[in-house]
Amino acid sequence: MNQGKLLILGTVFPEPNSSAAGGRMVQLIKLFQQHGWEITFASAAAESEFAIDLSAIGIKQVSVKMNCSSFDEFVQELNPQMVLFDRFITEEQFGWRVADNCPNAMRVLDTEDLHCLRHARHQALKENRTFSPSDLQNDHAKREIASIYRCDVSLIISAFEMALLKTVFKVDGALLHYLPFLLNPQPPLTPPKGENGHSDSTSSQTPNQGAPNSPSLREGVRGWAVWAFEERQHFITIGNFLHPPNWDAVQYLKSDIWPLIRKQLPEADMHVYGAYTQDKHRQLHSEKEGFLIKGRAENAMEVIGKAIVLLAPLRFGAGLKGKLVEAMQCGTPSVTTSIGAEAMHGNLPWSGIVANAPEAFAQAAVKLYTDKSAWESAQLNGVSIINQIYPKEKLGAEFIQRIEEIHSNLESHRQQNFIGSMLMYHTMRSTEFMSRWIEAKNKHS
């Protein structure tokens, strides 16, 4: 495939320090850059003060309008060879305009996670019942699966979601590509050393010494100083408060889990970090209970790396969890739920403990917090998971090869996707709208 112009249509301008989705987008951008693409990133969202400066890494940044023909003029002039949609809602808004104005441009959907799965699990939780596959028959699924069919290939971040799409929704594997986080190899974990060669918490070396120039790009932490068990303090949880699964997890942690932990560890503190903290979030802050709402972390890797254990009691959600990967990169064991660890570690042992009931979750947290041997074993498991499940070079090369194959045979690839072409045929319901227009006209004649 002749590398050319790539247009990325973002739901928002990426904020890698605020969410795993932002970090994932930066990973994709840098992968395409590495292979010679000329990238334009466009979004209809307002630019946040926390968004990455795309121009600083050689990306042209453009603001576009929704429901406006000005986009048609913009995309015609740009004439990209490939368009990547950030989540299905962006494809819904701009996909048909891209198809009309640049019919030969390859259309790629980055699902981030399956929204229909997250929505269905959330609904089951609100109704206090067990999630069932029949819950997936919702309006979110109809929209999301339709978007997948309209694109030439969709990037699926979770192996669990790959299987779900193929078995439950019967989506052809030719339309899907598994692409989890793209991470640099994790080196052996060793604590910072003082001048005497021994672990030394008073050393001038800091947790981010030797880290990449822009650790916010989440490209791995080769050279990151990993603090030893004795040099760490506190429990930690972290996550964008605008993301419903994160806010639910913090509430659940405060009400059901933390009191059980604090009863056994009365001197321990729970540090809660998250972007976009509001008054309702800060109301959970309690010095007496050791439950401390810290707000946005300027450097997530630093605060995670100084904690003893990360807690992520997620009760619903989908995709992969950036906070759990960051914990592994920092050598910080974690306790999470089955949903939190879903598709994160393959058949490898978890980098901590997976527990679902509050009592079991609390007991697991206490064990990792107090048992150095179990803690160090969990830490090593994290290294294996990163190196075996998320190898950046291997996964990136496979993805680039896949899009080159599809693009070089784009016409025949699309001919095999009749459902997709049918869904792009917007005039299919024109008879209904014409009938309704005639009916309305007759009522007023």
Protein backbone atom coordinates (compact mmCIF):
# COMPACT_ATOMS: atom_id res chain seq x y z
CA MET A 1 0.00 0.00 0.00
CA ASN A 2 1.37 3.42 -0.95
CA GLN A 3 1.36 5.40 2.28
CA GLY A 4 -0.42 8.66 1.76
CA LYS A 5 -2.87 10.82 3.63
CA LEU A 6 -4.64 9.50 6.69
CA LEU A 7 -7.59 11.38 8.18
CA ILE A 8 -8.43 10.53 11.78
CA LEU A 9 -11.87 11.69 12.89
CA GLY A 10 -11.81 11.87 16.68
CA THR A 11 -14.70 11.91 19.10
CA VAL A 12 -12.49 14.32 21.05
CA PHE A 13 -8.94 15.59 20.70
CA PRO A 14 -6.85 12.95 22.49
CA GLU A 15 -6.03 13.38 26.18
CA PRO A 16 -3.54 10.59 26.98
CA ASN A 17 -3.21 11.76 30.58
CA SER A 18 -6.97 11.65 31.14
CA SER A 19 -8.04 8.31 29.70
CA ALA A 20 -6.85 5.02 28.27
CA ALA A 21 -8.73 5.91 25.07
CA GLY A 22 -6.53 8.97 24.66
CA GLY A 23 -3.42 6.89 25.19
CA ARG A 24 -4.63 4.29 22.71
CA MET A 25 -5.19 6.97 20.06
CA VAL A 26 -1.65 8.29 20.51
CA GLN A 27 -0.33 4.74 20.10
CA LEU A 28 -2.14 4.45 16.76
CA ILE A 29 -0.96 7.87 15.60
CA LYS A 30 2.67 7.02 16.29
CA LEU A 31 2.32 3.64 14.58
CA PHE A 32 1.02 5.27 11.40
CA GLN A 33 3.72 7.94 11.60
CA GLN A 34 6.35 5.24 11.86
CA HIS A 35 5.09 3.83 8.55
CA GLY A 36 5.17 7.12 6.69
CA TRP A 37 1.58 8.34 6.79
CA GLU A 38 0.77 12.04 6.53
CA ILE A 39 -1.82 12.45 9.29
CA THR A 40 -4.60 14.99 9.76
CA PHE A 41 -6.59 14.76 13.00
CA ALA A 42 -10.04 16.35 12.90
CA SER A 43 -12.77 16.57 15.52
CA ALA A 44 -16.01 18.45 16.07
CA ALA A 45 -15.29 18.63 19.81
CA ALA A 46 -13.87 21.67 21.53
CA GLU A 47 -10.18 21.38 22.28
CA SER A 48 -9.46 20.74 25.95
CA GLU A 49 -6.57 22.29 27.85
CA PHE A 50 -5.51 18.71 28.62
CA ALA A 51 -5.41 17.58 24.99
CA ILE A 52 -2.02 16.62 23.59
CA ASP A 53 -0.37 19.17 21.29
CA LEU A 54 -0.63 17.23 18.04
CA SER A 55 1.30 19.82 16.07
CA ALA A 56 4.29 19.17 18.32
CA ILE A 57 4.47 15.61 17.01
CA GLY A 58 3.92 16.57 13.38
CA ILE A 59 0.15 16.11 13.09
CA LYS A 60 -2.11 18.63 11.39
CA GLN A 61 -5.06 19.45 13.63
CA VAL A 62 -8.42 20.61 12.24
CA SER A 63 -11.77 21.51 13.79
CA VAL A 64 -14.80 20.39 11.78
CA LYS A 65 -18.54 20.88 12.14
CA MET A 66 -21.21 18.22 12.43
CA ASN A 67 -24.26 18.26 10.17
CA CYS A 68 -22.56 20.73 7.86
CA SER A 69 -21.63 20.49 4.20
CA SER A 70 -18.37 22.31 4.97
CA PHE A 71 -17.02 18.89 5.90
CA ASP A 72 -17.69 17.69 2.35
CA GLU A 73 -15.48 20.45 0.98
CA PHE A 74 -12.81 19.74 3.58
CA VAL A 75 -12.58 16.00 2.92
CA GLN A 76 -12.73 16.45 -0.88
CA GLU A 77 -9.77 18.82 -0.75
CA LEU A 78 -7.80 16.58 1.62
CA ASN A 79 -8.62 13.48 -0.45
CA PRO A 80 -7.27 10.93 2.06
CA GLN A 81 -6.36 7.37 1.12
CA MET A 82 -7.63 6.16 4.50
CA VAL A 83 -10.02 7.47 7.14
CA LEU A 84 -10.02 6.20 10.72
CA PHE A 85 -13.14 6.79 12.82
CA ASP A 86 -12.71 7.07 16.58
CA ARG A 87 -15.69 5.04 17.87
CA PHE A 88 -18.92 4.29 16.08
CA ILE A 89 -20.64 7.57 16.92
CA THR A 90 -18.06 9.38 14.79
CA GLU A 91 -18.63 6.97 11.91
CA GLU A 92 -22.38 7.55 12.16
CA GLN A 93 -21.88 11.28 11.84
CA PHE A 94 -19.22 11.43 9.14
CA GLY A 95 -19.03 7.98 7.53
CA TRP A 96 -21.62 8.61 4.82
CA ARG A 97 -19.99 11.92 3.93
CA VAL A 98 -16.61 10.21 3.57
CA ALA A 99 -18.17 7.49 1.39
CA ASP A 100 -19.89 10.07 -0.83
CA ASN A 101 -16.89 12.36 -1.27
CA CYS A 102 -13.98 9.90 -1.10
CA PRO A 103 -15.43 6.55 -2.18
CA ASN A 104 -12.00 4.99 -2.68
CA ALA A 105 -10.72 5.87 0.77
CA MET A 106 -10.39 2.86 3.05
CA ARG A 107 -12.65 3.23 6.09
CA VAL A 108 -11.32 1.95 9.43
CA LEU A 109 -13.28 1.95 12.70
CA ASP A 110 -11.47 1.98 16.04
CA THR A 111 -14.17 0.71 18.40
CA GLU A 112 -12.09 1.44 21.56
CA ASP A 113 -14.42 -0.96 23.35
CA LEU A 114 -17.85 -2.36 22.56
CA HIS A 115 -20.23 0.30 23.82
CA CYS A 116 -23.19 -2.08 23.55
CA LEU A 117 -21.49 -4.52 25.93
CA ARG A 118 -20.69 -1.81 28.47
CA HIS A 119 -24.25 -0.46 28.22
CA ALA A 120 -25.81 -3.91 28.64
CA ARG A 121 -23.71 -4.70 31.69
CA HIS A 122 -24.52 -1.33 33.23
CA GLN A 123 -28.24 -1.90 32.70
CA ALA A 124 -28.06 -5.32 34.36
CA LEU A 125 -26.20 -3.82 37.34
CA LYS A 126 -28.79 -1.05 37.74
CA GLU A 127 -31.51 -3.70 37.74
CA ASN A 128 -29.58 -5.76 40.29
CA ARG A 129 -29.45 -8.88 38.15
CA THR A 130 -26.89 -11.02 36.36
CA PHE A 131 -25.84 -9.96 32.88
CA SER A 132 -27.19 -12.19 30.10
CA PRO A 133 -26.12 -12.35 26.42
CA SER A 134 -29.74 -11.49 25.55
CA ASP A 135 -29.06 -8.04 27.09
CA LEU A 136 -26.90 -7.32 24.05
CA GLN A 137 -29.98 -7.08 21.86
CA ASN A 138 -30.21 -3.34 22.46
CA ASP A 139 -30.28 -0.19 20.33
CA HIS A 140 -26.61 0.47 21.05
CA ALA A 141 -25.74 -2.89 19.49
CA LYS A 142 -27.81 -2.23 16.36
CA ARG A 143 -26.03 1.07 15.80
CA GLU A 144 -22.57 -0.23 16.66
CA ILE A 145 -22.75 -3.43 14.60
CA ALA A 146 -24.15 -1.45 11.65
CA SER A 147 -21.13 0.86 11.90
CA ILE A 148 -18.77 -2.14 11.89
CA TYR A 149 -20.41 -3.45 8.71
CA ARG A 150 -20.18 -0.06 6.98
CA CYS A 151 -16.40 0.04 7.50
CA ASP A 152 -13.77 -1.96 5.67
CA VAL A 153 -12.18 -3.15 8.90
CA SER A 154 -12.80 -2.52 12.60
CA LEU A 155 -10.13 -2.57 15.29
CA ILE A 156 -11.14 -4.64 18.32
CA ILE A 157 -9.10 -4.08 21.46
CA SER A 158 -10.29 -7.14 23.40
CA ALA A 159 -10.04 -10.84 22.49
CA PHE A 160 -13.27 -11.38 24.45
CA GLU A 161 -15.05 -8.84 22.26
CA MET A 162 -13.60 -10.42 19.10
CA ALA A 163 -15.19 -13.73 20.11
CA LEU A 164 -18.46 -12.04 21.07
CA LEU A 165 -18.76 -10.29 17.68
CA LYS A 166 -18.15 -13.53 15.81
CA THR A 167 -20.36 -15.82 17.90
CA VAL A 168 -23.23 -13.63 19.15
CA PHE A 169 -23.50 -11.14 16.29
CA LYS A 170 -22.09 -13.42 13.55
CA VAL A 171 -19.82 -10.70 12.19
CA ASP A 172 -17.45 -11.98 9.50
CA GLY A 173 -13.87 -12.12 10.80
CA ALA A 174 -12.74 -10.48 7.54
CA LEU A 175 -14.19 -7.23 8.88
CA LEU A 176 -12.38 -7.40 12.23
CA HIS A 177 -8.80 -7.03 13.41
CA TYR A 178 -7.61 -7.67 16.96
CA LEU A 179 -5.39 -4.81 18.11
CA PRO A 180 -4.91 -4.37 21.87
CA PHE A 181 -2.59 -1.83 23.51
CA LEU A 182 0.78 -1.47 21.79
CA LEU A 183 3.44 -1.52 24.50
CA ASN A 184 7.21 -1.49 24.55
CA PRO A 185 8.89 -4.54 26.12
CA GLN A 186 9.01 -4.37 29.89
CA PRO A 187 12.55 -4.78 31.27
CA PRO A 188 13.24 -6.76 34.45
CA LEU A 189 11.94 -4.89 37.45
CA THR A 190 14.64 -3.62 39.78
CA PRO A 191 14.29 -0.98 42.49
CA PRO A 192 16.26 2.30 42.33
CA LYS A 193 19.80 1.94 43.64
CA GLY A 194 21.68 4.30 45.90
CA GLU A 195 25.41 4.97 45.71
CA ASN A 196 26.13 1.89 47.83
CA GLY A 197 24.38 -0.31 45.27
CA HIS A 198 21.50 -1.11 47.60
CA SER A 199 17.88 -0.07 47.36
CA ASP A 200 17.81 3.46 48.73
CA SER A 201 14.64 5.49 49.09
CA THR A 202 16.71 8.58 49.88
CA SER A 203 18.49 8.36 46.51
CA SER A 204 18.24 11.43 44.32
CA GLN A 205 16.71 9.25 41.61
CA THR A 206 13.00 9.90 41.21
CA PRO A 207 10.31 7.59 39.79
CA ASN A 208 10.33 9.33 36.43
CA GLN A 209 14.10 9.55 36.01
CA GLY A 210 15.06 7.75 32.84
CA ALA A 211 11.46 7.61 31.64
CA PRO A 212 10.50 8.53 28.07
CA ASN A 213 10.52 12.27 27.29
CA SER A 214 6.73 12.19 27.15
CA PRO A 215 5.52 9.46 29.51
CA SER A 216 1.99 10.75 28.90
CA LEU A 217 2.20 9.07 25.49
CA ARG A 218 1.96 5.76 27.36
CA GLU A 219 4.47 3.94 25.21
CA GLY A 220 5.94 1.87 27.96
CA VAL A 221 8.34 2.59 30.77
CA ARG A 222 11.68 1.15 29.73
CA GLY A 223 14.14 2.54 32.24
CA TRP A 224 11.44 3.63 34.69
CA ALA A 225 12.63 3.33 38.26
CA VAL A 226 10.44 0.74 39.98
CA TRP A 227 10.19 1.28 43.70
CA ALA A 228 10.67 -1.61 46.10
CA PHE A 229 7.93 -2.89 48.39
CA GLU A 230 9.34 -1.13 51.47
CA GLU A 231 9.57 2.21 49.70
CA ARG A 232 5.91 2.47 48.78
CA GLN A 233 2.83 3.76 50.58
CA HIS A 234 -0.95 3.65 50.35
CA PHE A 235 -3.55 2.05 48.14
CA ILE A 236 -4.46 3.82 44.92
CA THR A 237 -7.23 3.88 42.35
CA ILE A 238 -7.28 6.04 39.26
CA GLY A 239 -9.63 6.75 36.36
CA ASN A 240 -11.43 9.47 34.45
CA PHE A 241 -14.52 10.40 36.50
CA LEU A 242 -16.49 11.11 33.32
CA HIS A 243 -16.34 7.39 32.51
CA PRO A 244 -19.35 5.76 34.28
CA PRO A 245 -17.59 2.46 35.18
CA ASN A 246 -14.87 4.40 37.00
CA TRP A 247 -17.28 6.52 39.04
CA ASP A 248 -19.32 3.43 39.97
CA ALA A 249 -16.13 1.64 41.05
CA VAL A 250 -15.12 4.51 43.34
CA GLN A 251 -18.56 4.60 44.97
CA TYR A 252 -18.53 0.82 45.40
CA LEU A 253 -15.03 0.98 46.84
CA LYS A 254 -16.03 3.64 49.37
CA SER A 255 -19.28 2.01 50.50
CA ASP A 256 -18.62 -1.74 50.40
CA ILE A 257 -14.91 -2.49 50.20
CA TRP A 258 -12.81 0.19 51.87
CA PRO A 259 -14.45 -0.16 55.32
CA LEU A 260 -13.48 -3.86 55.30
CA ILE A 261 -9.88 -3.03 54.38
CA ARG A 262 -9.57 -0.18 56.89
CA LYS A 263 -10.85 -2.44 59.67
CA GLN A 264 -7.79 -4.67 59.15
CA LEU A 265 -5.39 -1.86 58.20
CA PRO A 266 -6.46 1.16 60.28
CA GLU A 267 -3.39 3.21 59.28
CA ALA A 268 -3.75 2.65 55.52
CA ASP A 269 -4.97 5.38 53.18
CA MET A 270 -6.87 5.12 49.91
CA HIS A 271 -5.70 7.68 47.32
CA VAL A 272 -8.31 8.29 44.62
CA TYR A 273 -7.09 10.01 41.44
CA GLY A 274 -9.18 10.93 38.43
CA ALA A 275 -9.56 13.57 35.75
CA TYR A 276 -12.62 15.85 35.70
CA THR A 277 -13.38 15.69 39.41
CA GLN A 278 -16.67 17.38 40.35
CA ASP A 279 -18.30 18.31 43.65
CA LYS A 280 -20.19 15.00 43.87
CA HIS A 281 -16.87 13.16 43.63
CA ARG A 282 -15.14 15.34 46.21
CA GLN A 283 -17.98 14.68 48.67
CA LEU A 284 -16.57 11.17 49.17
CA HIS A 285 -13.35 12.63 50.61
CA SER A 286 -12.87 11.67 54.26
CA GLU A 287 -9.64 12.26 56.19
CA LYS A 288 -11.06 10.29 59.12
CA GLU A 289 -11.69 7.22 56.98
CA GLY A 290 -8.46 7.61 55.03
CA PHE A 291 -10.39 7.89 51.77
CA LEU A 292 -8.72 10.77 49.97
CA ILE A 293 -10.00 12.28 46.69
CA LYS A 294 -6.88 13.63 45.01
CA GLY A 295 -8.29 14.75 41.64
CA ARG A 296 -6.27 14.77 38.43
CA ALA A 297 -2.81 13.23 38.58
CA GLU A 298 -0.22 15.33 36.77
CA ASN A 299 1.76 12.16 36.16
CA ALA A 300 -0.27 8.97 36.50
CA MET A 301 2.78 6.72 36.25
CA GLU A 302 4.47 8.47 39.15
CA VAL A 303 1.57 8.22 41.60
CA ILE A 304 0.80 4.61 40.63
CA GLY A 305 4.47 3.71 40.89
CA LYS A 306 4.71 4.97 44.48
CA ALA A 307 1.63 3.06 45.69
CA ILE A 308 1.70 -0.45 47.13
CA VAL A 309 -1.48 -1.80 45.53
CA LEU A 310 -3.92 -0.49 42.90
CA LEU A 311 -7.60 -1.29 43.43
CA ALA A 312 -10.06 -1.41 40.51
CA PRO A 313 -13.40 -2.92 41.61
CA LEU A 314 -15.10 -2.50 38.22
CA ARG A 315 -18.64 -3.86 38.12
CA PHE A 316 -19.34 -3.14 34.45
CA GLY A 317 -17.45 -2.00 31.41
CA ALA A 318 -15.76 -3.35 28.29
CA GLY A 319 -12.48 -3.23 26.41
CA LEU A 320 -9.11 -3.11 28.18
CA LYS A 321 -8.30 -1.12 31.29
CA GLY A 322 -5.47 1.37 30.94
CA LYS A 323 -5.02 1.77 34.69
CA LEU A 324 -4.27 -1.94 35.06
CA VAL A 325 -1.66 -1.88 32.30
CA GLU A 326 -0.04 1.20 33.85
CA ALA A 327 0.08 -0.59 37.19
CA MET A 328 1.97 -3.48 35.57
CA GLN A 329 4.38 -1.06 33.91
CA CYS A 330 5.08 0.55 37.28
CA GLY A 331 5.45 -2.78 39.04
CA THR A 332 2.34 -2.12 41.14
CA PRO A 333 0.20 -5.23 41.78
CA SER A 334 -3.56 -4.80 41.48
CA VAL A 335 -6.80 -6.23 42.75
CA THR A 336 -9.64 -6.11 40.25
CA THR A 337 -12.80 -7.94 39.26
CA SER A 338 -13.41 -10.49 36.52
CA ILE A 339 -14.68 -7.67 34.31
CA GLY A 340 -11.59 -5.59 35.10
CA ALA A 341 -9.20 -8.40 34.15
CA GLU A 342 -11.28 -9.57 31.18
CA ALA A 343 -9.11 -10.21 28.09
CA MET A 344 -6.20 -8.45 29.80
CA HIS A 345 -3.86 -11.37 30.49
CA GLY A 346 -4.70 -14.31 28.22
CA ASN A 347 -3.89 -17.55 30.05
CA LEU A 348 -1.15 -15.95 32.16
CA PRO A 349 -1.46 -15.46 35.94
CA TRP A 350 -2.86 -12.06 36.89
CA SER A 351 -0.51 -9.38 38.21
CA GLY A 352 -2.27 -9.43 41.55
CA ILE A 353 -5.58 -11.00 42.52
CA VAL A 354 -8.97 -11.16 40.79
CA ALA A 355 -11.92 -11.07 43.21
CA ASN A 356 -15.58 -10.08 42.86
CA ALA A 357 -17.36 -10.14 46.22
CA PRO A 358 -16.51 -7.24 48.59
CA GLU A 359 -15.16 -9.54 51.31
CA ALA A 360 -12.91 -11.47 48.91
CA PHE A 361 -11.78 -8.24 47.26
CA ALA A 362 -10.87 -6.67 50.60
CA GLN A 363 -9.02 -9.78 51.75
CA ALA A 364 -7.02 -9.84 48.50
CA ALA A 365 -6.11 -6.19 48.95
CA VAL A 366 -4.89 -6.79 52.50
CA LYS A 367 -2.82 -9.80 51.42
CA LEU A 368 -0.96 -7.91 48.68
CA TYR A 369 -0.50 -4.91 50.95
CA THR A 370 1.10 -6.96 53.74
CA ASP A 371 2.67 -10.01 52.07
CA LYS A 372 5.93 -9.02 50.34
CA SER A 373 6.41 -12.42 48.73
CA ALA A 374 2.93 -12.41 47.16
CA TRP A 375 3.43 -8.78 46.11
CA GLU A 376 6.72 -9.48 44.34
CA SER A 377 5.30 -12.55 42.61
CA ALA A 378 2.38 -10.48 41.32
CA GLN A 379 4.81 -7.83 40.13
CA LEU A 380 6.69 -10.37 38.02
CA ASN A 381 3.43 -11.62 36.53
CA GLY A 382 2.83 -8.10 35.22
CA VAL A 383 6.11 -8.15 33.30
CA SER A 384 5.13 -11.41 31.60
CA ILE A 385 1.69 -10.08 30.66
CA ILE A 386 3.08 -6.91 29.06
CA ASN A 387 5.75 -8.74 27.10
CA GLN A 388 3.55 -11.60 25.89
CA ILE A 389 0.12 -9.98 25.39
CA TYR A 390 1.00 -6.46 24.20
CA PRO A 391 4.20 -6.63 22.07
CA LYS A 392 4.20 -3.35 20.18
CA GLU A 393 6.44 -4.33 17.27
CA LYS A 394 4.70 -7.62 16.50
CA LEU A 395 1.14 -6.30 16.83
CA GLY A 396 1.93 -3.13 14.90
CA ALA A 397 3.53 -5.03 12.01
CA GLU A 398 0.56 -7.41 11.77
CA PHE A 399 -1.87 -4.51 11.66
CA ILE A 400 0.00 -2.59 8.98
CA GLN A 401 0.21 -5.76 6.88
CA ARG A 402 -3.53 -6.32 7.29
CA ILE A 403 -4.56 -2.85 6.13
CA GLU A 404 -2.18 -3.07 3.19
CA GLU A 405 -3.79 -6.34 2.12
CA ILE A 406 -7.31 -4.95 2.42
CA HIS A 407 -6.50 -1.71 0.62
CA SER A 408 -4.79 -3.48 -2.28
CA ASN A 409 -7.94 -5.57 -2.76
CA LEU A 410 -10.48 -3.01 -1.59
CA GLU A 411 -13.06 -3.54 -4.34
CA SER A 412 -13.18 -7.31 -3.93
CA HIS A 413 -13.10 -6.92 -0.12
CA ARG A 414 -16.19 -4.71 -0.28
CA GLN A 415 -17.95 -7.09 -2.66
CA GLN A 416 -17.73 -9.76 0.04
CA ASN A 417 -19.48 -7.41 2.48
CA PHE A 418 -22.98 -7.18 1.05
CA ILE A 419 -24.53 -6.22 4.37
CA GLY A 420 -22.18 -3.26 4.56
CA SER A 421 -23.04 -2.05 1.07
CA MET A 422 -26.73 -2.51 1.87
CA LEU A 423 -26.39 -0.37 4.99
CA MET A 424 -24.66 2.33 2.94
CA TYR A 425 -27.60 2.37 0.54
CA HIS A 426 -29.41 5.26 2.20
CA THR A 427 -32.25 5.39 -0.29
CA MET A 428 -33.50 2.02 0.97
CA ARG A 429 -36.07 3.80 3.19
CA SER A 430 -36.89 6.54 0.71
CA THR A 431 -40.30 5.01 -0.03
CA GLU A 432 -41.20 5.24 3.66
CA PHE A 433 -40.18 8.89 3.90
CA MET A 434 -41.94 9.73 0.63
CA SER A 435 -45.12 8.05 1.87
CA ARG A 436 -44.96 9.97 5.14
CA TRP A 437 -44.38 13.24 3.26
CA ILE A 438 -47.36 12.56 0.99
CA GLU A 439 -49.52 11.65 4.00
CA ALA A 440 -48.57 14.85 5.82
CA LYS A 441 -49.13 16.90 2.66
CA ASN A 442 -52.58 15.36 2.10
CA LYS A 443 -53.66 16.16 5.64
CA HIS A 444 -53.08 19.86 4.97
CA SER A 445 -54.56 19.97 1.46
